[in-house]
Amino acid sequence: MQRNISYYWFVGHDSVTSNHIKRGAKDFWDRVVRGYDQRWAYITVTANLNGGYLYAEPKPEDNLKEGDPLPKLIDPESRREVARRALKPEEADELVDEFINEIGPDIIKVDQIKEWPDE
């Protein structure tokens, strides 16, 4: 059984929310009252909780046929197969939080955001 946890939120021109109703209400208000379209982006990040082996991208010289298993990724220094450990949901929360804090300023014009979620 595959176990994942997904995180999502919406980013508008000057607003961020993870709440569909708040996004819809803000969108309606901005369109009708302000004559403005936020042009919302839907951002999603999914963390795999199962762990398991990482697989290398197959190369043409691997001559893989339909249904052949993908080659496992090998660490060049230790020459061992690379595996991820299973994560607890709290650990996934921390990793995703770090990831978002790292890339957030590159994908969101944070200086334009007037309304951050309090959720």
N, C-alpha and C. Protein backbone atom coordinates (compact mmCIF):
# COMPACT_ATOMS: atom_id res chain seq x y z
N MET A 1 0.84 -1.17 0.00
CA MET A 1 0.00 0.00 0.00
C MET A 1 0.89 1.25 0.00
N GLN A 2 0.60 2.15 -0.91
CA GLN A 2 1.34 3.39 -1.02
C GLN A 2 0.76 4.42 -0.05
N ARG A 3 1.61 5.05 0.76
CA ARG A 3 1.16 6.08 1.70
C ARG A 3 1.83 7.40 1.35
N ASN A 4 1.01 8.39 1.06
CA ASN A 4 1.50 9.73 0.75
C ASN A 4 0.75 10.74 1.57
N ILE A 5 1.33 11.90 1.72
CA ILE A 5 0.64 13.03 2.33
C ILE A 5 0.82 14.19 1.36
N SER A 6 -0.29 14.87 1.04
CA SER A 6 -0.25 15.97 0.09
C SER A 6 -0.58 17.28 0.77
N TYR A 7 0.12 18.30 0.36
CA TYR A 7 -0.08 19.65 0.86
C TYR A 7 -0.45 20.51 -0.35
N TYR A 8 -1.40 21.41 -0.19
CA TYR A 8 -1.74 22.28 -1.30
C TYR A 8 -2.17 23.64 -0.79
N TRP A 9 -2.04 24.62 -1.66
CA TRP A 9 -2.50 25.97 -1.35
C TRP A 9 -2.65 26.72 -2.66
N PHE A 10 -3.30 27.86 -2.57
CA PHE A 10 -3.55 28.71 -3.72
C PHE A 10 -2.80 30.02 -3.53
N VAL A 11 -2.20 30.49 -4.61
CA VAL A 11 -1.49 31.76 -4.59
C VAL A 11 -2.11 32.66 -5.65
N GLY A 12 -2.62 33.82 -5.19
CA GLY A 12 -3.14 34.83 -6.11
C GLY A 12 -2.13 35.95 -6.24
N HIS A 13 -2.56 37.03 -6.87
CA HIS A 13 -1.66 38.17 -7.05
C HIS A 13 -1.25 38.77 -5.71
N ASP A 14 -2.21 38.87 -4.79
CA ASP A 14 -1.89 39.47 -3.49
C ASP A 14 -2.43 38.67 -2.32
N SER A 15 -2.69 37.39 -2.54
CA SER A 15 -3.31 36.55 -1.50
C SER A 15 -2.80 35.12 -1.57
N VAL A 16 -2.73 34.48 -0.40
CA VAL A 16 -2.38 33.06 -0.30
C VAL A 16 -3.38 32.42 0.64
N THR A 17 -3.91 31.25 0.26
CA THR A 17 -4.82 30.51 1.14
C THR A 17 -4.81 29.04 0.76
N SER A 18 -5.18 28.20 1.72
CA SER A 18 -5.36 26.77 1.41
C SER A 18 -6.83 26.41 1.51
N ASN A 19 -7.67 27.41 1.66
CA ASN A 19 -9.10 27.20 1.87
C ASN A 19 -9.86 27.51 0.57
N HIS A 20 -10.55 26.48 0.02
CA HIS A 20 -11.29 26.65 -1.24
C HIS A 20 -12.37 27.73 -1.10
N ILE A 21 -13.06 27.74 0.02
CA ILE A 21 -14.15 28.70 0.20
C ILE A 21 -13.62 30.12 0.27
N LYS A 22 -12.54 30.33 1.04
CA LYS A 22 -11.94 31.67 1.12
C LYS A 22 -11.41 32.11 -0.24
N ARG A 23 -10.81 31.20 -0.99
CA ARG A 23 -10.30 31.54 -2.32
C ARG A 23 -11.45 31.94 -3.22
N GLY A 24 -12.55 31.15 -3.18
CA GLY A 24 -13.71 31.45 -4.01
C GLY A 24 -14.35 32.78 -3.65
N ALA A 25 -14.47 33.06 -2.35
CA ALA A 25 -15.08 34.31 -1.90
C ALA A 25 -14.21 35.51 -2.31
N LYS A 26 -12.90 35.39 -2.12
CA LYS A 26 -11.98 36.46 -2.50
C LYS A 26 -12.02 36.67 -4.01
N ASP A 27 -12.04 35.58 -4.75
CA ASP A 27 -12.09 35.67 -6.21
C ASP A 27 -13.37 36.38 -6.65
N PHE A 28 -14.51 36.00 -6.07
CA PHE A 28 -15.79 36.61 -6.41
C PHE A 28 -15.76 38.10 -6.08
N TRP A 29 -15.30 38.45 -4.88
CA TRP A 29 -15.23 39.84 -4.44
C TRP A 29 -14.35 40.66 -5.38
N ASP A 30 -13.16 40.13 -5.66
CA ASP A 30 -12.23 40.87 -6.51
C ASP A 30 -12.78 41.07 -7.92
N ARG A 31 -13.44 40.08 -8.47
CA ARG A 31 -13.98 40.19 -9.83
C ARG A 31 -15.16 41.16 -9.88
N VAL A 32 -16.09 41.02 -8.93
CA VAL A 32 -17.32 41.82 -8.97
C VAL A 32 -17.09 43.25 -8.48
N VAL A 33 -16.42 43.40 -7.34
CA VAL A 33 -16.27 44.72 -6.73
C VAL A 33 -15.06 45.48 -7.29
N ARG A 34 -13.93 44.78 -7.41
CA ARG A 34 -12.70 45.46 -7.84
C ARG A 34 -12.46 45.35 -9.35
N GLY A 35 -13.20 44.48 -10.03
CA GLY A 35 -12.96 44.27 -11.46
C GLY A 35 -11.59 43.69 -11.73
N TYR A 36 -11.17 42.80 -10.84
CA TYR A 36 -9.80 42.29 -10.87
C TYR A 36 -9.79 40.77 -10.78
N ASP A 37 -8.93 40.14 -11.57
CA ASP A 37 -8.78 38.68 -11.57
C ASP A 37 -7.45 38.32 -10.90
N GLN A 38 -7.52 37.60 -9.78
CA GLN A 38 -6.30 37.21 -9.05
C GLN A 38 -5.41 36.26 -9.87
N ARG A 39 -6.00 35.51 -10.80
CA ARG A 39 -5.27 34.51 -11.59
C ARG A 39 -4.57 33.52 -10.67
N TRP A 40 -5.36 32.81 -9.91
CA TRP A 40 -4.86 31.89 -8.88
C TRP A 40 -3.99 30.77 -9.45
N ALA A 41 -2.95 30.45 -8.73
CA ALA A 41 -2.12 29.27 -9.02
C ALA A 41 -2.41 28.25 -7.92
N TYR A 42 -2.52 27.00 -8.32
CA TYR A 42 -2.74 25.90 -7.37
C TYR A 42 -1.40 25.19 -7.23
N ILE A 43 -0.87 25.18 -6.01
CA ILE A 43 0.44 24.57 -5.77
C ILE A 43 0.23 23.34 -4.90
N THR A 44 0.85 22.25 -5.26
CA THR A 44 0.74 21.02 -4.47
C THR A 44 2.11 20.37 -4.32
N VAL A 45 2.35 19.85 -3.14
CA VAL A 45 3.58 19.12 -2.84
C VAL A 45 3.16 17.82 -2.18
N THR A 46 3.69 16.70 -2.64
CA THR A 46 3.33 15.41 -2.08
C THR A 46 4.58 14.73 -1.53
N ALA A 47 4.47 14.20 -0.31
CA ALA A 47 5.58 13.48 0.31
C ALA A 47 5.22 12.01 0.40
N ASN A 48 6.14 11.16 0.00
CA ASN A 48 5.95 9.71 0.09
C ASN A 48 6.38 9.27 1.48
N LEU A 49 5.50 8.57 2.20
CA LEU A 49 5.80 8.15 3.56
C LEU A 49 6.38 6.74 3.64
N ASN A 50 6.30 5.99 2.55
CA ASN A 50 6.69 4.58 2.59
C ASN A 50 8.18 4.32 2.64
N GLY A 51 8.96 5.21 2.09
CA GLY A 51 10.39 4.90 1.96
C GLY A 51 10.59 3.97 0.79
N GLY A 52 11.64 3.19 0.83
CA GLY A 52 11.92 2.25 -0.25
C GLY A 52 13.12 2.68 -1.07
N TYR A 53 13.41 1.92 -2.08
CA TYR A 53 14.59 2.19 -2.92
C TYR A 53 14.33 3.29 -3.91
N LEU A 54 15.38 4.03 -4.22
CA LEU A 54 15.31 5.02 -5.28
C LEU A 54 15.81 4.35 -6.56
N TYR A 55 15.23 4.72 -7.66
CA TYR A 55 15.57 4.09 -8.93
C TYR A 55 16.20 5.09 -9.89
N ALA A 56 17.16 4.60 -10.64
CA ALA A 56 17.86 5.44 -11.61
C ALA A 56 17.00 5.58 -12.86
N GLU A 57 17.18 6.70 -13.54
CA GLU A 57 16.52 6.90 -14.82
C GLU A 57 17.15 5.92 -15.82
N PRO A 58 16.35 5.09 -16.48
CA PRO A 58 16.95 4.12 -17.41
C PRO A 58 17.64 4.81 -18.59
N LYS A 59 18.74 4.22 -19.02
CA LYS A 59 19.49 4.73 -20.17
C LYS A 59 19.26 3.78 -21.34
N PRO A 60 19.43 4.26 -22.57
CA PRO A 60 19.21 3.38 -23.73
C PRO A 60 20.06 2.11 -23.68
N GLU A 61 21.29 2.22 -23.16
CA GLU A 61 22.18 1.05 -23.11
C GLU A 61 21.73 -0.01 -22.10
N ASP A 62 20.75 0.35 -21.22
CA ASP A 62 20.22 -0.64 -20.28
C ASP A 62 19.38 -1.69 -21.00
N ASN A 63 18.93 -1.37 -22.21
CA ASN A 63 18.12 -2.30 -23.01
C ASN A 63 16.95 -2.88 -22.23
N LEU A 64 16.22 -2.04 -21.53
CA LEU A 64 15.07 -2.52 -20.76
C LEU A 64 13.90 -2.78 -21.69
N LYS A 65 13.20 -3.85 -21.39
CA LYS A 65 11.98 -4.19 -22.13
C LYS A 65 10.78 -3.84 -21.26
N GLU A 66 9.63 -3.77 -21.88
CA GLU A 66 8.38 -3.51 -21.16
C GLU A 66 8.24 -4.47 -19.98
N GLY A 67 8.04 -3.94 -18.78
CA GLY A 67 7.86 -4.77 -17.59
C GLY A 67 9.14 -5.08 -16.82
N ASP A 68 10.32 -4.78 -17.42
CA ASP A 68 11.58 -4.99 -16.69
C ASP A 68 11.65 -4.03 -15.51
N PRO A 69 12.22 -4.47 -14.37
CA PRO A 69 12.36 -3.55 -13.24
C PRO A 69 13.39 -2.47 -13.55
N LEU A 70 13.15 -1.27 -13.00
CA LEU A 70 14.11 -0.19 -13.18
C LEU A 70 15.37 -0.48 -12.36
N PRO A 71 16.52 -0.01 -12.83
CA PRO A 71 17.75 -0.22 -12.05
C PRO A 71 17.73 0.63 -10.78
N LYS A 72 18.17 0.03 -9.67
CA LYS A 72 18.24 0.77 -8.41
C LYS A 72 19.41 1.75 -8.47
N LEU A 73 19.22 2.88 -7.80
CA LEU A 73 20.26 3.90 -7.76
C LEU A 73 21.39 3.43 -6.85
N ILE A 74 22.63 3.59 -7.31
CA ILE A 74 23.81 3.16 -6.55
C ILE A 74 24.60 4.40 -6.13
N ASP A 75 24.95 4.46 -4.85
CA ASP A 75 25.79 5.55 -4.35
C ASP A 75 27.21 5.30 -4.86
N PRO A 76 27.79 6.27 -5.59
CA PRO A 76 29.11 6.02 -6.18
C PRO A 76 30.23 5.82 -5.15
N GLU A 77 30.11 6.42 -3.97
CA GLU A 77 31.17 6.27 -2.97
C GLU A 77 31.08 4.94 -2.24
N SER A 78 29.89 4.63 -1.71
CA SER A 78 29.77 3.40 -0.92
C SER A 78 29.47 2.18 -1.78
N ARG A 79 29.06 2.43 -3.05
CA ARG A 79 28.67 1.35 -3.98
C ARG A 79 27.45 0.57 -3.45
N ARG A 80 26.65 1.19 -2.61
CA ARG A 80 25.44 0.55 -2.07
C ARG A 80 24.21 1.12 -2.75
N GLU A 81 23.14 0.33 -2.73
CA GLU A 81 21.86 0.80 -3.25
C GLU A 81 21.33 1.90 -2.33
N VAL A 82 20.79 2.94 -2.95
CA VAL A 82 20.28 4.07 -2.18
C VAL A 82 18.82 3.81 -1.84
N ALA A 83 18.51 3.92 -0.55
CA ALA A 83 17.14 3.70 -0.09
C ALA A 83 16.72 4.86 0.81
N ARG A 84 15.44 5.19 0.73
CA ARG A 84 14.88 6.20 1.64
C ARG A 84 14.25 5.47 2.80
N ARG A 85 14.35 6.05 3.97
CA ARG A 85 13.66 5.46 5.11
C ARG A 85 12.22 5.94 5.12
N ALA A 86 11.35 5.18 5.71
CA ALA A 86 9.95 5.58 5.84
C ALA A 86 9.86 6.81 6.73
N LEU A 87 8.92 7.69 6.42
CA LEU A 87 8.74 8.93 7.18
C LEU A 87 7.45 8.88 7.99
N LYS A 88 7.49 9.54 9.14
CA LYS A 88 6.28 9.80 9.90
C LYS A 88 5.66 11.07 9.32
N PRO A 89 4.34 11.24 9.44
CA PRO A 89 3.72 12.47 8.91
C PRO A 89 4.35 13.75 9.47
N GLU A 90 4.76 13.74 10.74
CA GLU A 90 5.39 14.93 11.34
C GLU A 90 6.72 15.25 10.66
N GLU A 91 7.47 14.19 10.31
CA GLU A 91 8.75 14.40 9.62
C GLU A 91 8.52 14.96 8.22
N ALA A 92 7.48 14.45 7.56
CA ALA A 92 7.13 14.97 6.23
C ALA A 92 6.76 16.43 6.34
N ASP A 93 6.00 16.81 7.38
CA ASP A 93 5.63 18.21 7.60
C ASP A 93 6.88 19.08 7.68
N GLU A 94 7.87 18.64 8.45
CA GLU A 94 9.10 19.42 8.62
C GLU A 94 9.86 19.55 7.29
N LEU A 95 9.97 18.44 6.55
CA LEU A 95 10.69 18.47 5.28
C LEU A 95 10.00 19.36 4.26
N VAL A 96 8.68 19.27 4.20
CA VAL A 96 7.94 20.10 3.25
C VAL A 96 8.04 21.57 3.67
N ASP A 97 7.98 21.85 4.96
CA ASP A 97 8.11 23.22 5.45
C ASP A 97 9.47 23.80 5.04
N GLU A 98 10.53 23.02 5.22
CA GLU A 98 11.87 23.47 4.80
C GLU A 98 11.91 23.73 3.30
N PHE A 99 11.33 22.81 2.54
CA PHE A 99 11.30 22.92 1.07
C PHE A 99 10.58 24.19 0.64
N ILE A 100 9.41 24.44 1.24
CA ILE A 100 8.62 25.61 0.87
C ILE A 100 9.36 26.90 1.25
N ASN A 101 9.96 26.93 2.44
CA ASN A 101 10.71 28.12 2.84
C ASN A 101 11.89 28.39 1.93
N GLU A 102 12.46 27.32 1.39
CA GLU A 102 13.61 27.47 0.50
C GLU A 102 13.19 27.98 -0.87
N ILE A 103 12.12 27.41 -1.45
CA ILE A 103 11.74 27.80 -2.82
C ILE A 103 10.67 28.89 -2.87
N GLY A 104 9.98 29.14 -1.74
CA GLY A 104 8.89 30.10 -1.72
C GLY A 104 9.22 31.45 -2.33
N PRO A 105 10.30 32.09 -1.89
CA PRO A 105 10.63 33.40 -2.45
C PRO A 105 10.96 33.37 -3.94
N ASP A 106 11.34 32.19 -4.46
CA ASP A 106 11.63 32.08 -5.89
C ASP A 106 10.37 31.90 -6.74
N ILE A 107 9.30 31.37 -6.14
CA ILE A 107 8.09 31.10 -6.93
C ILE A 107 6.92 32.00 -6.57
N ILE A 108 7.02 32.72 -5.46
CA ILE A 108 5.96 33.63 -5.04
C ILE A 108 6.57 35.01 -4.82
N LYS A 109 5.95 36.03 -5.37
CA LYS A 109 6.42 37.40 -5.13
C LYS A 109 5.89 37.81 -3.76
N VAL A 110 6.62 37.39 -2.72
CA VAL A 110 6.15 37.54 -1.35
C VAL A 110 5.91 39.00 -0.95
N ASP A 111 6.61 39.93 -1.58
CA ASP A 111 6.41 41.34 -1.25
C ASP A 111 5.05 41.86 -1.71
N GLN A 112 4.39 41.15 -2.64
CA GLN A 112 3.06 41.55 -3.14
C GLN A 112 1.93 40.99 -2.28
N ILE A 113 2.21 39.98 -1.47
CA ILE A 113 1.15 39.32 -0.71
C ILE A 113 0.69 40.21 0.43
N LYS A 114 -0.59 40.57 0.39
CA LYS A 114 -1.18 41.42 1.42
C LYS A 114 -1.91 40.57 2.45
N GLU A 115 -2.28 39.36 2.06
CA GLU A 115 -3.11 38.51 2.91
C GLU A 115 -2.52 37.11 2.99
N TRP A 116 -1.91 36.79 4.15
CA TRP A 116 -1.36 35.46 4.40
C TRP A 116 -2.36 34.68 5.23
N PRO A 117 -2.42 33.37 5.05
CA PRO A 117 -3.40 32.59 5.81
C PRO A 117 -3.07 32.55 7.30
N ASP A 118 -4.10 32.53 8.09
CA ASP A 118 -3.92 32.37 9.54
C ASP A 118 -4.34 30.97 9.96
N GLU A 119 -4.52 30.07 8.98
CA GLU A 119 -4.98 28.71 9.20
C GLU A 119 -3.86 27.84 9.74
